C-alpha atoms as a PDB file:
ATOM      1  CA  MET A   1     127.253  71.387  66.134  1.00  0.00           C
ATOM      2  CA  ASN A   2     127.298  67.690  65.053  1.00  0.00           C
ATOM      3  CA  GLN A   3     123.518  66.342  64.019  1.00  0.00           C
ATOM      4  CA  THR A   4     123.053  64.389  67.542  1.00  0.00           C
ATOM      5  CA  ARG A   5     123.716  67.789  69.554  1.00  0.00           C
ATOM      6  CA  SER A   6     121.133  69.204  67.136  1.00  0.00           C
ATOM      7  CA  ILE A   7     118.340  66.730  67.711  1.00  0.00           C
ATOM      8  CA  ILE A   8     118.896  67.182  71.535  1.00  0.00           C
ATOM      9  CA  PHE A   9     118.463  70.588  71.503  1.00  0.00           C
ATOM     10  CA  LYS A  10     115.038  70.614  69.259  1.00  0.00           C
ATOM     11  CA  LYS A  11     113.122  67.737  70.261  1.00  0.00           C
ATOM     12  CA  ARG A  12     111.667  68.931  73.322  1.00  0.00           C
ATOM     13  CA  ILE A  13     110.003  72.020  71.737  1.00  0.00           C
ATOM     14  CA  GLY A  14     107.039  70.356  71.179  1.00  0.00           C
ATOM     15  CA  VAL A  15     106.306  68.784  74.619  1.00  0.00           C
ATOM     16  CA  TYR A  16     107.193  72.245  76.276  1.00  0.00           C
ATOM     17  CA  SER A  17     104.717  74.167  74.193  1.00  0.00           C
ATOM     18  CA  PHE A  18     102.314  71.459  75.672  1.00  0.00           C
ATOM     19  CA  ILE A  19     102.869  72.222  79.193  1.00  0.00           C
ATOM     20  CA  PHE A  20     103.004  75.948  78.370  1.00  0.00           C
ATOM     21  CA  LEU A  21      99.449  75.924  76.623  1.00  0.00           C
ATOM     22  CA  PHE A  22      97.892  73.824  79.398  1.00  0.00           C
ATOM     23  CA  HIS A  23      99.147  76.098  82.399  1.00  0.00           C
ATOM     24  CA  SER A  24      98.542  79.075  80.254  1.00  0.00           C
ATOM     25  CA  GLY A  25      95.003  78.137  79.197  1.00  0.00           C
ATOM     26  CA  LEU A  26      94.337  78.194  83.076  1.00  0.00           C
ATOM     27  CA  VAL A  27      95.830  81.744  84.159  1.00  0.00           C
ATOM     28  CA  TYR A  28      97.538  83.455  81.517  1.00  0.00           C
ATOM     29  CA  SER A  29      96.314  85.926  78.607  1.00  0.00           C
ATOM     30  CA  GLN A  30      95.790  84.886  75.069  1.00  0.00           C
ATOM     31  CA  GLU A  31      98.442  87.321  74.186  1.00  0.00           C
ATOM     32  CA  THR A  32     101.246  85.297  76.354  1.00  0.00           C
ATOM     33  CA  THR A  33     100.329  82.081  74.836  1.00  0.00           C
ATOM     34  CA  GLU A  34     100.581  83.367  71.469  1.00  0.00           C
ATOM     35  CA  TYR A  35     104.000  84.749  71.987  1.00  0.00           C
ATOM     36  CA  PHE A  36     105.012  81.134  73.523  1.00  0.00           C
ATOM     37  CA  ILE A  37     103.657  79.678  70.053  1.00  0.00           C
ATOM     38  CA  VAL A  38     105.652  82.378  68.037  1.00  0.00           C
ATOM     39  CA  GLY A  39     108.803  81.998  69.983  1.00  0.00           C
ATOM     40  CA  ASN A  40     108.817  78.344  69.016  1.00  0.00           C
ATOM     41  CA  THR A  41     108.067  78.878  65.554  1.00  0.00           C
ATOM     42  CA  HIS A  42     110.774  81.070  65.304  1.00  0.00           C
ATOM     43  CA  TYR A  43     113.206  78.706  67.228  1.00  0.00           C
ATOM     44  CA  GLN A  44     112.009  75.820  64.805  1.00  0.00           C
ATOM     45  CA  ASN A  45     112.860  77.943  61.710  1.00  0.00           C
ATOM     46  CA  SER A  46     116.685  78.462  63.185  1.00  0.00           C
ATOM     47  CA  GLU A  47     115.945  82.079  63.673  1.00  0.00           C
ATOM     48  CA  TYR A  48     117.393  82.087  67.503  1.00  0.00           C
ATOM     49  CA  GLU A  49     117.462  86.053  68.044  1.00  0.00           C
ATOM     50  CA  GLU A  50     113.683  86.309  66.988  1.00  0.00           C
ATOM     51  CA  ALA A  51     112.737  83.600  69.296  1.00  0.00           C
ATOM     52  CA  LEU A  52     114.688  84.718  72.235  1.00  0.00           C
ATOM     53  CA  ASN A  53     113.120  88.036  71.880  1.00  0.00           C
ATOM     54  CA  VAL A  54     109.804  86.672  72.095  1.00  0.00           C
ATOM     55  CA  TYR A  55     110.547  84.373  74.849  1.00  0.00           C
ATOM     56  CA  MET A  56     111.520  87.336  76.948  1.00  0.00           C
ATOM     57  CA  LYS A  57     108.174  88.881  76.334  1.00  0.00           C
ATOM     58  CA  VAL A  58     106.715  85.651  78.007  1.00  0.00           C
ATOM     59  CA  ILE A  59     109.444  86.470  80.989  1.00  0.00           C
ATOM     60  CA  ASP A  60     108.516  89.611  81.221  1.00  0.00           C
ATOM     61  CA  ARG A  61     104.678  88.942  82.109  1.00  0.00           C
ATOM     62  CA  SER A  62     105.975  87.068  84.962  1.00  0.00           C
ATOM     63  CA  TYR A  63     105.723  83.246  83.852  1.00  0.00           C
ATOM     64  CA  GLU A  64     108.109  80.968  85.001  1.00  0.00           C
ATOM     65  CA  SER A  65     108.537  77.194  83.805  1.00  0.00           C
ATOM     66  CA  GLY A  66     111.358  75.047  83.267  1.00  0.00           C
ATOM     67  CA  GLY A  67     110.521  74.311  79.779  1.00  0.00           C
ATOM     68  CA  LEU A  68     110.701  78.311  78.818  1.00  0.00           C
ATOM     69  CA  TYR A  69     113.806  78.826  80.601  1.00  0.00           C
ATOM     70  CA  TYR A  70     115.060  75.437  78.948  1.00  0.00           C
ATOM     71  CA  ASN A  71     113.934  76.986  75.253  1.00  0.00           C
ATOM     72  CA  ILE A  72     115.733  80.232  76.477  1.00  0.00           C
ATOM     73  CA  GLY A  73     119.092  78.448  77.224  1.00  0.00           C
ATOM     74  CA  ASN A  74     118.859  76.861  73.983  1.00  0.00           C
ATOM     75  CA  CYS A  75     118.391  80.010  71.841  1.00  0.00           C
ATOM     76  CA  TYR A  76     121.421  81.333  73.902  1.00  0.00           C
ATOM     77  CA  TYR A  77     123.613  78.047  73.158  1.00  0.00           C
ATOM     78  CA  LYS A  78     122.649  78.434  69.429  1.00  0.00           C
ATOM     79  CA  LEU A  79     123.936  82.244  69.591  1.00  0.00           C
ATOM     80  CA  GLN A  80     126.972  81.040  71.071  1.00  0.00           C
ATOM     81  CA  ASN A  81     126.396  82.951  74.477  1.00  0.00           C
ATOM     82  CA  ILE A  82     127.909  80.271  76.886  1.00  0.00           C
ATOM     83  CA  GLY A  83     127.082  82.057  80.186  1.00  0.00           C
ATOM     84  CA  ARG A  84     123.334  83.192  79.580  1.00  0.00           C
ATOM     85  CA  ALA A  85     122.905  79.600  78.163  1.00  0.00           C
ATOM     86  CA  ILE A  86     124.090  78.096  81.609  1.00  0.00           C
ATOM     87  CA  LEU A  87     122.317  80.823  83.541  1.00  0.00           C
ATOM     88  CA  TYR A  88     118.930  79.589  81.869  1.00  0.00           C
ATOM     89  CA  TYR A  89     119.739  76.059  82.016  1.00  0.00           C
ATOM     90  CA  GLU A  90     120.478  76.185  85.684  1.00  0.00           C
ATOM     91  CA  ARG A  91     116.762  78.158  86.293  1.00  0.00           C
ATOM     92  CA  ALA A  92     115.417  75.379  84.169  1.00  0.00           C
ATOM     93  CA  LYS A  93     117.279  72.607  86.286  1.00  0.00           C
ATOM     94  CA  ARG A  94     115.759  74.289  89.501  1.00  0.00           C
ATOM     95  CA  LEU A  95     112.113  73.655  88.031  1.00  0.00           C
ATOM     96  CA  ILE A  96     112.809  70.184  86.392  1.00  0.00           C
ATOM     97  CA  PRO A  97     115.576  69.019  87.813  1.00  0.00           C
ATOM     98  CA  ARG A  98     115.087  65.149  86.359  1.00  0.00           C
ATOM     99  CA  ASP A  99     115.103  65.972  82.754  1.00  0.00           C
ATOM    100  CA  GLU A 100     117.362  64.005  81.015  1.00  0.00           C
ATOM    101  CA  ASP A 101     117.649  66.671  77.805  1.00  0.00           C
ATOM    102  CA  LEU A 102     118.148  69.349  79.998  1.00  0.00           C
ATOM    103  CA  LYS A 103     121.020  67.282  81.900  1.00  0.00           C
ATOM    104  CA  THR A 104     122.747  66.696  78.492  1.00  0.00           C
ATOM    105  CA  ASN A 105     122.550  70.248  77.174  1.00  0.00           C
ATOM    106  CA  LEU A 106     123.991  71.671  80.428  1.00  0.00           C
ATOM    107  CA  ALA A 107     126.841  69.416  80.361  1.00  0.00           C
ATOM    108  CA  LEU A 108     127.393  70.270  76.592  1.00  0.00           C
ATOM    109  CA  ALA A 109     127.289  73.992  77.571  1.00  0.00           C
ATOM    110  CA  ASN A 110     129.677  73.391  80.379  1.00  0.00           C
ATOM    111  CA  LEU A 111     132.226  71.642  78.058  1.00  0.00           C
ATOM    112  CA  ALA A 112     132.811  75.288  76.806  1.00  0.00           C
ATOM    113  CA  VAL A 113     133.627  76.727  80.215  1.00  0.00           C
ATOM    114  CA  VAL A 114     137.254  77.566  80.679  1.00  0.00           C
ATOM    115  CA  ASP A 115     137.317  76.830  84.568  1.00  0.00           C
ATOM    116  CA  LYS A 116     137.072  73.342  85.509  1.00  0.00           C
ATOM    117  CA  ILE A 117     136.511  73.083  89.071  1.00  0.00           C
ATOM    118  CA  THR A 118     136.637  69.818  91.374  1.00  0.00           C
ATOM    119  CA  PRO A 119     133.856  70.143  93.794  1.00  0.00           C
ATOM    120  CA  ARG A 120     135.148  69.299  97.506  1.00  0.00           C
ATOM    121  CA  LYS A 121     133.992  65.938  98.632  1.00  0.00           C
ATOM    122  CA  GLU A 122     131.001  65.821 101.058  1.00  0.00           C
ATOM    123  CA  PHE A 123     130.672  63.567 103.772  1.00  0.00           C
ATOM    124  CA  LEU A 124     128.488  60.505 103.066  1.00  0.00           C
ATOM    125  CA  LEU A 125     125.839  61.245 105.543  1.00  0.00           C
ATOM    126  CA  PHE A 126     125.620  64.920 104.018  1.00  0.00           C
ATOM    127  CA  ARG A 127     125.298  63.355 100.234  1.00  0.00           C
ATOM    128  CA  ILE A 128     122.373  60.866 101.760  1.00  0.00           C
ATOM    129  CA  VAL A 129     120.366  63.773 103.237  1.00  0.00           C
ATOM    130  CA  ARG A 130     121.043  65.951  99.977  1.00  0.00           C
ATOM    131  CA  GLY A 131     120.010  63.293  97.908  1.00  0.00           C
ATOM    132  CA  PHE A 132     117.158  62.368  99.701  1.00  0.00           C
ATOM    133  CA  THR A 133     115.992  65.924  99.647  1.00  0.00           C
ATOM    134  CA  HIS A 134     115.980  65.998  96.007  1.00  0.00           C
ATOM    135  CA  LEU A 135     114.625  62.975  95.339  1.00  0.00           C
ATOM    136  CA  LEU A 136     111.702  64.365  93.952  1.00  0.00           C
ATOM    137  CA  PRO A 137     110.779  67.594  91.884  1.00  0.00           C
ATOM    138  CA  LYS A 138     109.810  70.424  94.496  1.00  0.00           C
ATOM    139  CA  PRO A 139     106.008  71.330  93.035  1.00  0.00           C
ATOM    140  CA  LEU A 140     105.514  67.273  93.294  1.00  0.00           C
ATOM    141  CA  LEU A 141     106.834  67.171  96.766  1.00  0.00           C
ATOM    142  CA  ILE A 142     104.567  70.216  97.934  1.00  0.00           C
ATOM    143  CA  TRP A 143     101.764  68.220  96.698  1.00  0.00           C
ATOM    144  CA  ILE A 144     102.598  64.968  98.231  1.00  0.00           C
ATOM    145  CA  VAL A 145     103.375  66.585 102.028  1.00  0.00           C
ATOM    146  CA  THR A 146     100.001  68.506 101.289  1.00  0.00           C
ATOM    147  CA  GLY A 147      98.128  65.083 100.370  1.00  0.00           C
ATOM    148  CA  PHE A 148      99.627  63.402 103.440  1.00  0.00           C
ATOM    149  CA  TYR A 149      98.453  66.284 105.879  1.00  0.00           C
ATOM    150  CA  LEU A 150      94.813  66.268 104.740  1.00  0.00           C
ATOM    151  CA  SER A 151      94.942  62.536 104.790  1.00  0.00           C
ATOM    152  CA  THR A 152      96.398  62.390 108.091  1.00  0.00           C
ATOM    153  CA  ILE A 153      94.051  65.040 109.639  1.00  0.00           C
ATOM    154  CA  GLY A 154      90.836  63.221 107.576  1.00  0.00           C
ATOM    155  CA  PHE A 155      91.565  59.733 109.432  1.00  0.00           C
ATOM    156  CA  ILE A 156      92.031  61.556 112.797  1.00  0.00           C
ATOM    157  CA  ILE A 157      88.136  63.095 112.617  1.00  0.00           C
ATOM    158  CA  LEU A 158      87.263  59.509 111.102  1.00  0.00           C
ATOM    159  CA  ARG A 159      88.864  57.794 114.150  1.00  0.00           C
ATOM    160  CA  ILE A 160      86.725  60.510 116.254  1.00  0.00           C
ATOM    161  CA  VAL A 161      83.344  60.540 114.798  1.00  0.00           C
ATOM    162  CA  ALA A 162      83.091  56.667 113.563  1.00  0.00           C
ATOM    163  CA  ARG A 163      81.153  54.404 115.517  1.00  0.00           C
ATOM    164  CA  ASN A 164      82.121  51.188 114.033  1.00  0.00           C
ATOM    165  CA  HIS A 165      85.141  49.473 116.442  1.00  0.00           C
ATOM    166  CA  ILE A 166      86.918  47.957 113.253  1.00  0.00           C
ATOM    167  CA  LEU A 167      86.428  51.112 111.282  1.00  0.00           C
ATOM    168  CA  ARG A 168      87.982  53.406 114.084  1.00  0.00           C
ATOM    169  CA  ARG A 169      91.054  50.890 114.592  1.00  0.00           C
ATOM    170  CA  ILE A 170      91.607  51.087 110.737  1.00  0.00           C
ATOM    171  CA  ALA A 171      91.403  54.691 110.964  1.00  0.00           C
ATOM    172  CA  PHE A 172      93.925  55.060 113.684  1.00  0.00           C
ATOM    173  CA  ARG A 173      96.227  52.721 112.183  1.00  0.00           C
ATOM    174  CA  MET A 174      96.017  54.748 108.917  1.00  0.00           C
ATOM    175  CA  GLY A 175      96.242  58.091 110.840  1.00  0.00           C
ATOM    176  CA  ILE A 176      99.525  56.909 112.431  1.00  0.00           C
ATOM    177  CA  LEU A 177     100.795  55.612 108.949  1.00  0.00           C
ATOM    178  CA  LEU A 178      99.941  58.897 106.914  1.00  0.00           C
ATOM    179  CA  GLY A 179     101.182  60.882 109.999  1.00  0.00           C
ATOM    180  CA  ILE A 180     104.752  59.536 109.769  1.00  0.00           C
ATOM    181  CA  LEU A 181     104.806  59.884 105.923  1.00  0.00           C
ATOM    182  CA  PHE A 182     103.726  63.575 106.156  1.00  0.00           C
ATOM    183  CA  LEU A 183     106.562  63.935 108.701  1.00  0.00           C
ATOM    184  CA  VAL A 184     109.145  62.242 106.495  1.00  0.00           C
ATOM    185  CA  PHE A 185     108.320  63.973 103.184  1.00  0.00           C
ATOM    186  CA  GLY A 186     107.629  67.444 105.007  1.00  0.00           C
ATOM    187  CA  LEU A 187     111.125  67.537 106.731  1.00  0.00           C
ATOM    188  CA  SER A 188     112.228  66.948 103.120  1.00  0.00           C
ATOM    189  CA  LEU A 189     110.661  69.884 101.952  1.00  0.00           C
ATOM    190  CA  LEU A 190     111.686  72.019 104.771  1.00  0.00           C
ATOM    191  CA  GLY A 191     115.134  70.721 103.959  1.00  0.00           C
ATOM    192  CA  ARG A 192     114.823  71.827 100.569  1.00  0.00           C
ATOM    193  CA  ILE A 193     113.347  75.063 101.368  1.00  0.00           C
ATOM    194  CA  LEU A 194     116.110  76.083 103.990  1.00  0.00           C
ATOM    195  CA  GLU A 195     118.782  74.794 101.521  1.00  0.00           C
ATOM    196  CA  GLU A 196     117.483  77.136  99.053  1.00  0.00           C
ATOM    197  CA  GLY A 197     116.857  80.178 101.170  1.00  0.00           C
ATOM    198  CA  LYS A 198     120.538  79.736 102.393  1.00  0.00           C
ATOM    199  CA  ARG A 199     122.109  78.620  98.671  1.00  0.00           C
ATOM    200  CA  ILE A 200     122.215  81.660  96.085  1.00  0.00           C
ATOM    201  CA  GLU A 201     124.174  80.961  93.262  1.00  0.00           C
ATOM    202  CA  GLY A 202     125.044  82.786  90.067  1.00  0.00           C
ATOM    203  CA  ILE A 203     127.120  82.476  86.830  1.00  0.00           C
ATOM    204  CA  ILE A 204     129.827  84.529  85.669  1.00  0.00           C
ATOM    205  CA  LEU A 205     128.708  86.630  82.205  1.00  0.00           C
ATOM    206  CA  VAL A 206     131.900  88.270  81.403  1.00  0.00           C
ATOM    207  CA  ASP A 207     134.629  86.549  79.578  1.00  0.00           C
ATOM    208  CA  LYS A 208     137.201  86.948  82.496  1.00  0.00           C
ATOM    209  CA  VAL A 209     137.207  88.560  85.878  1.00  0.00           C
ATOM    210  CA  ASP A 210     140.135  88.896  88.416  1.00  0.00           C
ATOM    211  CA  VAL A 211     138.753  87.859  91.891  1.00  0.00           C
ATOM    212  CA  MET A 212     139.824  90.196  94.372  1.00  0.00           C
ATOM    213  CA  SER A 213     140.981  89.359  98.149  1.00  0.00           C
ATOM    214  CA  PHE A 214     138.794  91.969  99.674  1.00  0.00           C
ATOM    215  CA  PRO A 215     136.208  94.409  98.190  1.00  0.00           C
ATOM    216  CA  SER A 216     137.949  97.826  97.115  1.00  0.00           C
ATOM    217  CA  ASP A 217     138.046  99.959  94.066  1.00  0.00           C
ATOM    218  CA  GLU A 218     141.535 101.062  95.138  1.00  0.00           C
ATOM    219  CA  GLY A 219     142.890  97.913  94.625  1.00  0.00           C
ATOM    220  CA  GLY A 220     143.501  94.692  96.084  1.00  0.00           C
ATOM    221  CA  MET A 221     145.264  91.425  95.833  1.00  0.00           C
ATOM    222  CA  GLU A 222     144.145  89.150  92.816  1.00  0.00           C
ATOM    223  CA  VAL A 223     143.780  85.677  94.106  1.00  0.00           C
ATOM    224  CA  PHE A 224     142.409  83.787  91.041  1.00  0.00           C
ATOM    225  CA  SER A 225     140.727  84.613  87.833  1.00  0.00           C
ATOM    226  CA  LEU A 226     137.064  83.235  86.752  1.00  0.00           C
ATOM    227  CA  HIS A 227     135.791  83.248  82.984  1.00  0.00           C
ATOM    228  CA  GLU A 228     132.351  83.122  81.221  1.00  0.00           C
ATOM    229  CA  GLY A 229     129.762  80.052  82.165  1.00  0.00           C
ATOM    230  CA  THR A 230     131.373  79.630  85.794  1.00  0.00           C
ATOM    231  CA  LYS A 231     128.779  78.877  88.614  1.00  0.00           C
ATOM    232  CA  VAL A 232     129.557  80.339  92.074  1.00  0.00           C
ATOM    233  CA  ARG A 233     128.230  80.477  95.441  1.00  0.00           C
ATOM    234  CA  ILE A 234     126.995  84.138  96.853  1.00  0.00           C
ATOM    235  CA  ASP A 235     128.160  84.155  99.870  1.00  0.00           C
ATOM    236  CA  GLN A 236     127.673  88.041 100.970  1.00  0.00           C
ATOM    237  CA  LYS A 237     127.381  91.564  99.408  1.00  0.00           C
ATOM    238  CA  SER A 238     129.129  94.874 100.588  1.00  0.00           C
ATOM    239  CA  SER A 239     128.518  97.498  98.340  1.00  0.00           C
ATOM    240  CA  ASP A 240     128.505  96.845  94.609  1.00  0.00           C
ATOM    241  CA  TRP A 241     130.932  93.963  95.343  1.00  0.00           C
ATOM    242  CA  ILE A 242     129.708  90.320  96.052  1.00  0.00           C
ATOM    243  CA  GLU A 243     131.750  87.590  97.934  1.00  0.00           C
ATOM    244  CA  ILE A 244     131.793  84.401  95.895  1.00  0.00           C
ATOM    245  CA  VAL A 245     132.876  81.114  97.166  1.00  0.00           C
ATOM    246  CA  LEU A 246     133.551  78.173  94.468  1.00  0.00           C
ATOM    247  CA  ALA A 247     132.702  74.437  94.564  1.00  0.00           C
ATOM    248  CA  ASP A 248     136.360  73.569  95.599  1.00  0.00           C
ATOM    249  CA  GLY A 249     136.188  76.123  98.658  1.00  0.00           C
ATOM    250  CA  LYS A 250     138.197  79.399  96.890  1.00  0.00           C
ATOM    251  CA  VAL A 251     136.629  82.481  98.393  1.00  0.00           C
ATOM    252  CA  GLY A 252     137.026  86.019  96.590  1.00  0.00           C
ATOM    253  CA  TRP A 253     135.266  89.217  95.683  1.00  0.00           C
ATOM    254  CA  VAL A 254     134.077  90.608  92.564  1.00  0.00           C
ATOM    255  CA  LYS A 255     131.734  92.913  91.019  1.00  0.00           C
ATOM    256  CA  SER A 256     128.189  92.542  91.115  1.00  0.00           C
ATOM    257  CA  GLU A 257     127.975  93.524  87.313  1.00  0.00           C
ATOM    258  CA  VAL A 258     130.097  90.477  86.448  1.00  0.00           C
ATOM    259  CA  LEU A 259     127.617  87.937  87.243  1.00  0.00           C
ATOM    260  CA  GLU A 260     123.587  87.063  87.333  1.00  0.00           C
ATOM    261  CA  ILE A 261     121.869  85.311  89.793  1.00  0.00           C
ATOM    262  CA  ILE A 262     120.270  82.156  89.111  1.00  0.00           C
END
């Protein structure tokens, strides 16, 4: 790996340590915080397996953050485990979707994936709607929707109880404006939640898997093959088989153990 890529992979460690410590100081034990610090120390010393083991102890304590997943992805990338590196980068992407270093590292990892799949083109209207629903990170969007809702209720109450005519008129107009904003951003959040509920994706973690036309242990027709690191959409399950859909529209069945859900 060249010097530029190495810098990209290391420079975020300190930032994500701070974010973790801020949250863990509020709701997580001192032991969990120490694990994260120890993991970062191992990572900075190029002890990637040790760092990974410690980060996983943090995961075992039910802590989740984009920064933690990012660091785990970095460890797997350094250990040349491309499939799991992409898996954890994709998990980080769901929490910090606009992080530029994450985008860069995910793109670098995807360069090593054998399968180059060209997504089907979406209608322009669908692309616009998707772009709007993903305009802001989900946690921030939740706070914004909550803020607009409470503000709308507040101005409605003020409109009811205020005795001053001018104040009542201002409260009425502000209630209307904030109510509209609440509906707009609320619909964006609802769209995001519905999309996430319906769209389950996974990453292929084996070197190569033959994708079959139907789920059967007695042999079926092979329709195509996939390789480690390829992202697929999970459509349905049947026993220990999973029907997958690729970005280009191809459909087939694989054993559930060959992939892991993002």
